[in-house]
Protein backbone atom coordinates (compact mmCIF):
# COMPACT_ATOMS: atom_id res chain seq x y z
CA MET A 1 148.32 208.96 95.67
CA ALA A 2 145.12 210.33 94.12
CA PHE A 3 141.77 208.59 94.44
CA MET A 4 139.14 209.42 91.84
CA PHE A 5 135.45 208.55 91.79
CA SER A 6 132.56 209.15 89.47
CA LYS A 7 129.47 210.33 91.31
CA GLU A 8 128.31 213.91 91.05
CA ARG A 9 128.92 216.44 93.80
CA VAL A 10 126.46 216.18 96.68
CA GLU A 11 124.58 219.19 98.05
CA ASN A 12 125.86 218.95 101.63
CA PRO A 13 129.22 217.13 101.69
CA GLN A 14 129.96 217.77 105.36
CA GLU A 15 126.59 216.37 106.40
CA CYS A 16 127.36 213.20 104.44
CA ILE A 17 130.71 212.87 106.21
CA ASP A 18 129.19 213.46 109.65
CA SER A 19 126.52 210.80 109.07
CA LEU A 20 128.88 208.21 107.60
CA THR A 21 128.36 204.65 108.91
CA MET A 22 129.78 201.25 108.08
CA LEU A 23 126.41 200.27 106.62
CA LYS A 24 126.54 203.21 104.19
CA ILE A 25 130.09 202.28 103.26
CA VAL A 26 129.38 198.65 102.39
CA ARG A 27 126.23 199.58 100.46
CA SER A 28 128.19 201.93 98.18
CA GLU A 29 130.67 200.39 95.75
CA GLU A 30 132.64 203.63 95.63
CA LEU A 31 132.81 204.10 99.40
CA LYS A 32 133.62 200.43 99.86
CA GLU A 33 136.53 200.76 97.45
CA LEU A 34 137.70 203.94 99.16
CA PHE A 35 137.47 202.36 102.62
CA GLY A 36 139.55 199.42 101.40
CA MET A 37 142.19 201.84 100.11
CA PHE A 38 142.19 203.64 103.45
CA CYS A 39 142.60 200.39 105.41
CA GLU A 40 145.46 199.31 103.17
CA GLN A 41 147.12 202.70 103.55
CA GLU A 42 146.77 202.46 107.35
CA LEU A 43 148.23 198.92 107.28
CA CYS A 44 145.13 197.50 108.95
CA ASP A 45 143.17 195.94 106.11
CA GLU A 46 142.82 192.41 107.56
CA ASN A 47 139.44 193.12 109.20
CA PHE A 48 137.92 194.58 106.03
CA LEU A 49 139.31 191.76 103.89
CA LEU A 50 137.87 189.24 106.35
CA TRP A 51 134.46 190.92 106.26
CA LYS A 52 134.41 190.78 102.44
CA ASP A 53 135.59 187.16 102.36
CA VAL A 54 132.82 186.11 104.75
CA GLU A 55 130.24 187.82 102.52
CA GLU A 56 131.46 185.74 99.59
CA TYR A 57 131.81 182.54 101.62
CA ARG A 58 128.23 182.74 102.87
CA ASN A 59 126.95 182.52 99.28
CA ILE A 60 128.84 179.35 98.35
CA GLU A 61 126.26 176.60 97.90
CA ASP A 62 128.44 173.66 96.87
CA ASP A 63 129.69 171.74 99.95
CA ARG A 64 133.04 170.85 98.40
CA ALA A 65 133.70 174.42 97.28
CA ARG A 66 132.66 175.72 100.69
CA ARG A 67 135.05 173.33 102.42
CA LEU A 68 137.94 174.46 100.23
CA ARG A 69 137.14 178.11 100.84
CA PHE A 70 136.76 177.48 104.59
CA ASN A 71 140.23 175.95 104.76
CA GLU A 72 141.72 178.94 102.91
CA MET A 73 140.05 181.43 105.24
CA PHE A 74 140.97 179.38 108.33
CA ALA A 75 144.64 179.46 107.34
CA LYS A 76 144.44 183.18 106.60
CA TYR A 77 142.43 184.53 109.54
CA VAL A 78 142.32 181.86 112.28
CA SER A 79 145.68 180.14 112.20
CA GLU A 80 148.06 181.50 114.84
CA GLU A 81 150.86 181.27 112.28
CA SER A 82 149.19 183.75 109.91
CA HIS A 83 150.26 187.40 109.92
CA MET A 84 146.60 188.28 109.24
CA GLU A 85 145.20 186.39 112.22
CA ALA A 86 142.00 188.09 113.40
CA ASN A 87 141.15 188.98 116.98
CA MET A 88 138.48 186.59 118.26
CA SER A 89 137.06 185.15 121.42
CA GLY A 90 138.05 181.73 122.71
CA SER A 91 134.61 180.35 121.96
CA ASP A 92 134.71 181.58 118.34
CA ARG A 93 138.15 180.05 117.87
CA ALA A 94 136.96 176.78 119.35
CA SER A 95 133.92 176.59 117.06
CA LEU A 96 136.05 177.27 114.00
CA HIS A 97 138.55 174.58 115.01
CA ALA A 98 135.65 172.17 115.50
CA ALA A 99 134.36 172.98 112.01
CA LYS A 100 137.80 172.36 110.56
CA ILE A 101 138.14 168.84 111.96
CA SER A 102 134.52 167.91 111.30
CA LYS A 103 133.82 165.45 108.48
CA SER A 104 130.75 167.46 107.50
CA ALA A 105 130.96 170.52 105.29
CA PRO A 106 131.28 173.70 107.37
CA PRO A 107 127.99 175.62 107.56
CA ALA A 108 127.47 178.81 105.60
CA ASP A 109 127.22 180.86 108.80
CA VAL A 110 130.32 179.45 110.50
CA PHE A 111 132.18 182.79 110.24
CA ASP A 112 129.22 184.99 111.20
CA ASN A 113 130.31 185.63 114.81
CA LEU A 114 133.82 186.51 113.70
CA GLN A 115 132.45 188.79 111.02
CA MET A 116 130.35 190.62 113.61
CA THR A 117 133.43 191.04 115.81
CA VAL A 118 135.45 192.70 113.05
CA TRP A 119 132.41 194.79 112.06
CA VAL A 120 132.30 196.27 115.56
CA GLU A 121 136.06 196.87 115.51
CA MET A 122 135.86 198.65 112.17
CA SER A 123 132.93 200.76 113.35
CA THR A 124 134.63 201.88 116.54
CA GLU A 125 138.28 202.09 115.49
CA LEU A 126 138.58 202.57 111.73
CA LEU A 127 135.41 204.45 110.82
CA PRO A 128 136.15 207.60 112.89
CA ARG A 129 139.65 207.85 111.39
CA PHE A 130 138.30 207.18 107.91
CA ALA A 131 135.67 209.94 108.27
CA ARG A 132 138.39 212.42 109.25
CA SER A 133 140.71 211.43 106.42
CA GLU A 134 141.60 213.67 103.51
CA MET A 135 140.50 211.05 100.98
CA VAL A 136 136.93 211.10 102.32
CA ARG A 137 136.90 214.87 102.21
CA ARG A 138 138.05 214.83 98.59
CA PHE A 139 135.49 212.15 97.77
CA TYR A 140 132.57 214.30 98.94
CA PHE A 141 133.84 217.81 98.19
CA GLU A 142 135.63 217.30 94.87
CA ARG A 143 134.06 214.22 93.28
CA PRO A 144 136.38 213.88 90.27
CA ASP A 145 136.10 211.17 87.63
CA SER A 146 136.34 207.50 88.49
CA PRO A 147 139.35 205.41 87.35
CA GLU A 148 137.10 203.61 84.84
CA THR A 149 135.85 206.90 83.36
CA ILE A 150 139.43 208.17 83.04
CA ARG A 151 140.49 204.93 81.37
CA LYS A 152 137.62 205.07 78.87
CA ARG A 153 138.25 208.74 78.11
CA GLY A 154 141.92 208.07 77.48
CA LYS A 155 141.09 205.16 75.20
CA VAL A 156 138.65 207.26 73.14
CA ILE A 157 141.14 210.12 72.86
CA GLN A 158 143.95 207.83 71.77
CA THR A 159 141.69 206.13 69.20
CA SER A 160 140.59 209.46 67.73
CA LEU A 161 144.11 210.87 67.60
CA ALA A 162 145.34 207.68 65.96
CA ALA A 163 143.04 208.38 63.01
CA CYS A 164 145.28 211.22 61.89
CA PHE A 165 148.67 209.84 62.93
CA ALA A 166 149.09 207.98 59.63
CA SER A 167 148.86 211.17 57.58
CA LYS A 168 150.42 213.81 59.85
CA SER A 169 153.71 214.08 61.69
CA LEU A 170 153.11 217.62 63.09
CA PHE A 171 150.02 218.84 64.93
CA GLU A 172 149.02 222.49 65.20
CA PHE A 173 146.93 223.67 68.14
CA ARG A 174 143.73 223.70 66.05
CA ASP A 175 144.26 220.05 65.00
CA ILE A 176 144.61 218.80 68.56
CA TYR A 177 141.84 221.05 69.84
CA MET A 178 139.37 219.59 67.37
CA TYR A 179 140.31 215.99 68.16
CA VAL A 180 140.14 216.53 71.91
CA HIS A 181 136.65 218.01 71.73
CA VAL A 182 135.43 215.34 69.32
CA CYS A 183 136.44 212.85 71.99
CA LYS A 184 134.71 214.85 74.71
CA LYS A 185 131.49 214.90 72.71
CA LYS A 186 131.67 211.13 72.31
CA ILE A 187 131.82 210.75 76.08
CA HIS A 188 129.46 213.52 77.15
CA GLU A 189 126.10 214.06 75.47
CA LYS A 190 126.29 217.78 76.14
CA ASP A 191 129.37 219.94 76.58
CA ASP A 192 128.62 223.64 77.11
CA THR A 193 132.32 224.45 77.46
CA VAL A 194 133.21 223.78 73.81
CA LYS A 195 134.23 227.01 72.12
CA SER A 196 135.49 227.87 68.66
CA ASP A 197 137.48 231.01 69.52
CA CYS A 198 141.09 230.45 68.45
CA ASP A 199 142.37 232.66 71.30
CA VAL A 200 141.31 230.14 73.95
CA ILE A 201 142.72 227.07 72.24
CA PRO A 202 146.30 227.16 73.65
CA PHE A 203 144.98 227.74 77.19
CA GLN A 204 142.52 224.86 77.02
CA LEU A 205 145.11 222.52 75.52
CA ALA A 206 147.59 223.45 78.23
CA ASP A 207 144.98 222.41 80.80
CA PHE A 208 144.41 219.12 79.00
CA PHE A 209 148.07 218.22 78.52
CA GLY A 210 149.19 219.60 81.89
CA MET A 211 151.95 221.77 80.42
CA ASP A 212 152.50 224.99 78.51
CA LEU A 213 152.36 224.51 74.75
CA SER A 214 153.87 226.53 71.92
CA GLY A 215 154.27 225.79 68.23
CA PRO A 216 153.53 222.46 66.52
CA LEU A 217 153.90 219.21 68.43
CA GLN A 218 155.69 216.15 67.12
CA ARG A 219 153.56 213.02 66.75
CA ALA A 220 155.65 211.21 69.40
CA GLU A 221 155.05 214.04 71.86
CA VAL A 222 151.29 213.82 71.48
CA ILE A 223 151.29 210.03 71.83
CA SER A 224 153.48 210.04 74.95
CA VAL A 225 151.38 212.69 76.70
CA VAL A 226 147.98 211.23 75.81
CA ALA A 227 149.08 207.73 76.81
CA THR A 228 149.64 208.91 80.37
CA ARG A 229 146.27 210.66 80.76
């Protein structure tokens, strides 16, 4: 599975990897998403999910809403019957059980000790493996486009190609080349790679479509290929 992100290449990727911390991860939306993917892939995402849920829970101001969310999280992370039960001390478990049976709304910081416990576990157990993973190396050394950028680019390309579908059933290389680069200019303010030399058109289109091209393309072929980009 490929993971794609949007930030530009950094000057010293290895230095960034070596200095990676949990604090840096949670302060970066991209790294946080990547770390979540890594935890899911390693089949150990319960700690990270718990950490994120506590962050959201802490900001709930309404007592009734906080009680409902507390009960959901208790069943998910504290109940011994849950497959996502978190590791916790006896005192933390006791305080959470006390909050559950209390008639008062559970306090906003009721999960803070448990969150700190999983934070330490992630820092000592998951972070070193994450920093050594191939996905982190690709993130810092390759820095390809984000999923959202790819989605937007595909939408623009499909919209622009659709403008000529009503009047054409066959597309020569020059037709597709022009539409592709019109789309690229809509997305990027400046594109120094755009060329007008006919000799480079088939090569550039082959790169874009991911296959060797020859002769005119049927409309259905263009649609099916672009739809998967």
